[in-house]
């Protein structure tokens, strides 16, 4: 009997939940827009002196670079979308 909280990764049937998956162009563009919005908001004069906001902007900026890299990999064909991925309406039609 293991101690500690029950997490999704130890529940029967959920072992492969965190396998790699991809997002469609549409979804990635939406993520990029939202990340840019949040970065702008928390970089503004109202927030940029607060340590939590400063750290949040750092994290969001790192994530933005990751999402942009994923978009480029899909665009160049390095990463292929499959039916198992999170597809937008345009990709589902294909």
Protein backbone atom coordinates (compact mmCIF):
# COMPACT_ATOMS: atom_id res chain seq x y z
CA UNK A 1 0.00 0.00 0.00
CA UNK A 2 1.61 3.25 -1.17
CA UNK A 3 1.49 6.39 0.90
CA UNK A 4 0.73 9.80 -0.50
CA UNK A 5 -2.00 11.23 -2.65
CA UNK A 6 -3.62 9.30 -5.47
CA UNK A 7 -2.67 10.96 -8.72
CA UNK A 8 -4.06 10.51 -12.20
CA UNK A 9 -0.91 8.65 -13.31
CA UNK A 10 -1.48 5.81 -10.79
CA UNK A 11 -5.16 5.25 -11.56
CA UNK A 12 -6.00 2.19 -13.68
CA UNK A 13 -6.63 3.08 -17.32
CA UNK A 14 -4.82 6.43 -17.11
CA UNK A 15 -1.23 5.20 -17.47
CA UNK A 16 -0.77 6.71 -20.94
CA UNK A 17 -2.54 9.99 -20.27
CA UNK A 18 0.65 12.04 -20.48
CA UNK A 19 2.01 10.58 -23.70
CA UNK A 20 3.04 13.15 -26.27
CA UNK A 21 0.27 14.86 -28.17
CA UNK A 22 0.13 17.79 -30.56
CA UNK A 23 -2.13 20.77 -31.08
CA UNK A 24 -3.45 22.07 -34.40
CA UNK A 25 -2.30 25.33 -35.98
CA UNK A 26 -5.53 27.03 -34.86
CA UNK A 27 -5.07 25.97 -31.27
CA UNK A 28 -1.41 26.97 -31.23
CA UNK A 29 -2.24 30.42 -32.64
CA UNK A 30 -4.89 30.85 -29.91
CA UNK A 31 -2.34 29.85 -27.26
CA UNK A 32 0.20 32.32 -28.66
CA UNK A 33 -2.37 35.13 -28.64
CA UNK A 34 -3.34 34.39 -25.04
CA UNK A 35 0.27 34.10 -23.88
CA UNK A 36 1.11 37.43 -25.52
CA UNK A 37 -1.93 39.03 -23.88
CA UNK A 38 -0.89 37.78 -20.45
CA UNK A 39 2.75 38.76 -20.94
CA UNK A 40 1.68 42.28 -21.92
CA UNK A 41 -0.70 42.58 -18.99
CA UNK A 42 1.76 41.43 -16.33
CA UNK A 43 4.63 43.43 -17.85
CA UNK A 44 2.64 46.65 -17.59
CA UNK A 45 3.45 49.41 -15.09
CA UNK A 46 0.61 48.26 -12.85
CA UNK A 47 2.23 44.82 -12.34
CA UNK A 48 5.92 44.93 -13.27
CA UNK A 49 7.20 45.73 -9.77
CA UNK A 50 5.53 42.72 -8.13
CA UNK A 51 7.80 39.68 -7.73
CA UNK A 52 4.99 37.26 -8.53
CA UNK A 53 4.15 39.09 -11.78
CA UNK A 54 7.83 39.23 -12.74
CA UNK A 55 8.16 35.46 -12.24
CA UNK A 56 4.89 34.83 -14.09
CA UNK A 57 6.15 36.80 -17.10
CA UNK A 58 9.34 34.72 -17.09
CA UNK A 59 7.35 31.46 -17.08
CA UNK A 60 4.88 32.67 -19.71
CA UNK A 61 7.75 33.85 -21.95
CA UNK A 62 9.42 30.43 -21.70
CA UNK A 63 6.13 28.73 -22.54
CA UNK A 64 5.56 31.10 -25.47
CA UNK A 65 8.93 30.07 -26.93
CA UNK A 66 7.96 26.42 -26.53
CA UNK A 67 4.60 26.89 -28.27
CA UNK A 68 6.21 28.87 -31.10
CA UNK A 69 8.77 26.08 -31.54
CA UNK A 70 5.96 23.50 -31.72
CA UNK A 71 4.18 25.60 -34.35
CA UNK A 72 7.38 25.79 -36.43
CA UNK A 73 7.89 22.00 -36.15
CA UNK A 74 4.38 21.38 -37.47
CA UNK A 75 4.85 23.97 -40.23
CA UNK A 76 8.12 22.39 -41.41
CA UNK A 77 6.82 18.81 -41.14
CA UNK A 78 9.14 17.81 -38.28
CA UNK A 79 6.03 17.13 -36.22
CA UNK A 80 3.07 15.42 -37.87
CA UNK A 81 -0.52 15.78 -36.71
CA UNK A 82 -2.54 12.58 -36.26
CA UNK A 83 -6.12 11.79 -35.37
CA UNK A 84 -5.00 11.31 -31.72
CA UNK A 85 -3.90 14.95 -31.46
CA UNK A 86 -5.94 17.98 -30.43
CA UNK A 87 -7.11 19.05 -33.86
CA UNK A 88 -8.97 22.16 -34.89
CA UNK A 89 -11.92 22.03 -37.28
CA UNK A 90 -9.73 22.51 -40.37
CA UNK A 91 -7.40 19.62 -39.49
CA UNK A 92 -10.33 17.30 -38.60
CA UNK A 93 -11.75 17.81 -42.13
CA UNK A 94 -8.52 16.58 -43.75
